[in-house]
């Protein structure tokens, strides 16, 4: 299997050297020979970002990716806002963790109480089962 992986890696490097025309040619050739191969190459080109324009990369939602501006006041504001949001996220994650632990503790306490009363059909703690 590593022979195939090595061959695919070398083919990818060669197609990268040829650029978009090489990738498009490989895709067309794949469609002509066996259409699922062409479709797989097209999917890989889209997934890996080889189909995007290099001068205007966009995010998944079509927005331009974040870049530095020349306005230092805005950069300070953005940095402060991002720092505050990260702190809020950390606090919220801590809250969720405490909430999960409290829920787990309540469920465990309920289990122990039911078991002590024999509600689950098992023996209460400390009593050996009759065998």
Protein backbone atom coordinates (compact mmCIF):
# COMPACT_ATOMS: atom_id res chain seq x y z
CA UNK A 1 0.00 0.00 0.00
CA UNK A 2 2.90 2.38 0.63
CA UNK A 3 3.97 1.94 -3.02
CA UNK A 4 0.65 3.37 -4.13
CA UNK A 5 0.86 6.17 -1.55
CA UNK A 6 4.39 7.04 -2.71
CA UNK A 7 3.28 7.05 -6.34
CA UNK A 8 0.31 9.31 -5.53
CA UNK A 9 2.56 11.70 -3.58
CA UNK A 10 4.99 11.92 -6.51
CA UNK A 11 2.11 12.48 -8.93
CA UNK A 12 0.71 15.24 -6.72
CA UNK A 13 4.13 16.94 -6.54
CA UNK A 14 4.48 16.79 -10.33
CA UNK A 15 0.97 18.19 -10.89
CA UNK A 16 1.74 20.98 -8.40
CA UNK A 17 4.83 21.84 -10.46
CA UNK A 18 2.67 22.07 -13.59
CA UNK A 19 0.10 24.18 -11.75
CA UNK A 20 -3.58 24.51 -12.61
CA UNK A 21 -3.18 23.37 -16.23
CA UNK A 22 -1.65 20.11 -15.01
CA UNK A 23 -4.43 19.49 -12.51
CA UNK A 24 -7.16 20.34 -15.02
CA UNK A 25 -5.52 18.09 -17.61
CA UNK A 26 -5.35 15.21 -15.14
CA UNK A 27 -8.99 15.74 -14.26
CA UNK A 28 -10.10 15.77 -17.92
CA UNK A 29 -8.00 12.68 -18.64
CA UNK A 30 -9.56 10.98 -15.62
CA UNK A 31 -13.06 11.79 -16.90
CA UNK A 32 -12.19 10.48 -20.37
CA UNK A 33 -10.64 7.22 -19.17
CA UNK A 34 -12.80 6.33 -16.15
CA UNK A 35 -15.26 8.99 -14.98
CA UNK A 36 -15.05 8.21 -11.21
CA UNK A 37 -11.32 8.98 -11.33
CA UNK A 38 -12.02 12.38 -12.89
CA UNK A 39 -14.67 13.03 -10.28
CA UNK A 40 -12.26 12.05 -7.50
CA UNK A 41 -9.60 14.41 -8.88
CA UNK A 42 -12.14 17.23 -9.09
CA UNK A 43 -13.26 16.62 -5.50
CA UNK A 44 -9.62 16.58 -4.33
CA UNK A 45 -8.91 19.82 -6.20
CA UNK A 46 -11.85 21.54 -4.53
CA UNK A 47 -11.10 20.07 -1.07
CA UNK A 48 -7.41 20.98 -1.17
CA UNK A 49 -8.03 24.54 -2.38
CA UNK A 50 -6.34 24.09 -5.72
CA UNK A 51 -9.40 25.52 -7.51
CA UNK A 52 -9.30 28.89 -5.71
CA UNK A 53 -7.88 32.09 -7.13
CA UNK A 54 -4.60 32.82 -5.39
CA UNK A 55 -5.08 36.59 -5.40
CA UNK A 56 -8.39 36.53 -3.52
CA UNK A 57 -8.67 33.60 -1.17
CA UNK A 58 -12.00 33.40 0.57
CA UNK A 59 -13.27 31.53 3.58
CA UNK A 60 -15.95 28.83 3.45
CA UNK A 61 -18.70 31.44 3.65
CA UNK A 62 -17.39 33.57 0.79
CA UNK A 63 -15.88 36.27 2.98
CA UNK A 64 -12.35 37.44 2.41
CA UNK A 65 -9.89 36.03 4.91
CA UNK A 66 -8.81 38.33 7.73
CA UNK A 67 -5.80 40.48 7.01
CA UNK A 68 -4.00 43.25 8.85
CA UNK A 69 -5.27 46.76 8.19
CA UNK A 70 -3.19 49.88 8.31
CA UNK A 71 -5.41 51.42 11.01
CA UNK A 72 -3.67 50.85 14.34
CA UNK A 73 -6.69 51.95 16.40
CA UNK A 74 -8.87 49.37 14.70
CA UNK A 75 -6.21 46.68 15.17
CA UNK A 76 -6.05 47.46 18.90
CA UNK A 77 -9.86 47.33 19.13
CA UNK A 78 -9.99 44.03 17.23
CA UNK A 79 -7.22 42.50 19.36
CA UNK A 80 -8.99 43.57 22.58
CA UNK A 81 -12.34 42.24 21.33
CA UNK A 82 -10.82 38.89 20.32
CA UNK A 83 -9.04 38.62 23.69
CA UNK A 84 -12.32 39.34 25.53
CA UNK A 85 -14.19 36.79 23.42
CA UNK A 86 -11.54 34.16 24.16
CA UNK A 87 -11.88 34.88 27.89
CA UNK A 88 -15.66 34.59 27.61
CA UNK A 89 -15.30 31.31 25.75
CA UNK A 90 -12.99 29.95 28.45
CA UNK A 91 -15.39 31.01 31.20
CA UNK A 92 -18.32 29.45 29.34
CA UNK A 93 -16.41 26.18 28.82
CA UNK A 94 -15.66 26.13 32.56
CA UNK A 95 -19.34 26.71 33.31
CA UNK A 96 -20.33 23.84 31.00
CA UNK A 97 -17.80 21.55 32.66
CA UNK A 98 -19.13 22.39 36.14
CA UNK A 99 -22.68 21.83 34.86
CA UNK A 100 -21.75 18.40 33.46
CA UNK A 101 -20.06 17.42 36.73
CA UNK A 102 -23.09 18.51 38.76
CA UNK A 103 -25.42 16.55 36.49
CA UNK A 104 -23.17 13.48 36.69
CA UNK A 105 -23.04 13.79 40.49
CA UNK A 106 -26.85 14.06 40.72
CA UNK A 107 -27.35 11.03 38.46
CA UNK A 108 -24.82 9.02 40.45
CA UNK A 109 -26.41 10.00 43.75
CA UNK A 110 -29.82 9.00 42.37
CA UNK A 111 -28.39 5.64 41.27
CA UNK A 112 -26.88 5.03 44.71
CA UNK A 113 -30.16 5.96 46.43
CA UNK A 114 -32.18 3.62 44.21
CA UNK A 115 -29.69 0.82 44.71
CA UNK A 116 -29.75 1.32 48.49
CA UNK A 117 -33.55 0.95 48.38
CA UNK A 118 -33.29 -2.12 46.16
CA UNK A 119 -35.07 -0.33 43.33
CA UNK A 120 -32.90 -1.68 40.54
CA UNK A 121 -33.27 -5.30 41.50
CA UNK A 122 -29.72 -5.48 42.78
CA UNK A 123 -28.56 -6.04 46.32
CA UNK A 124 -27.95 -3.00 48.51
CA UNK A 125 -24.34 -2.24 49.30
CA UNK A 126 -22.73 -4.48 51.85
CA UNK A 127 -25.14 -7.38 51.47
CA UNK A 128 -23.76 -10.44 49.69
CA UNK A 129 -26.00 -12.00 47.12
CA UNK A 130 -27.48 -15.44 47.89
CA UNK A 131 -25.86 -17.92 45.60
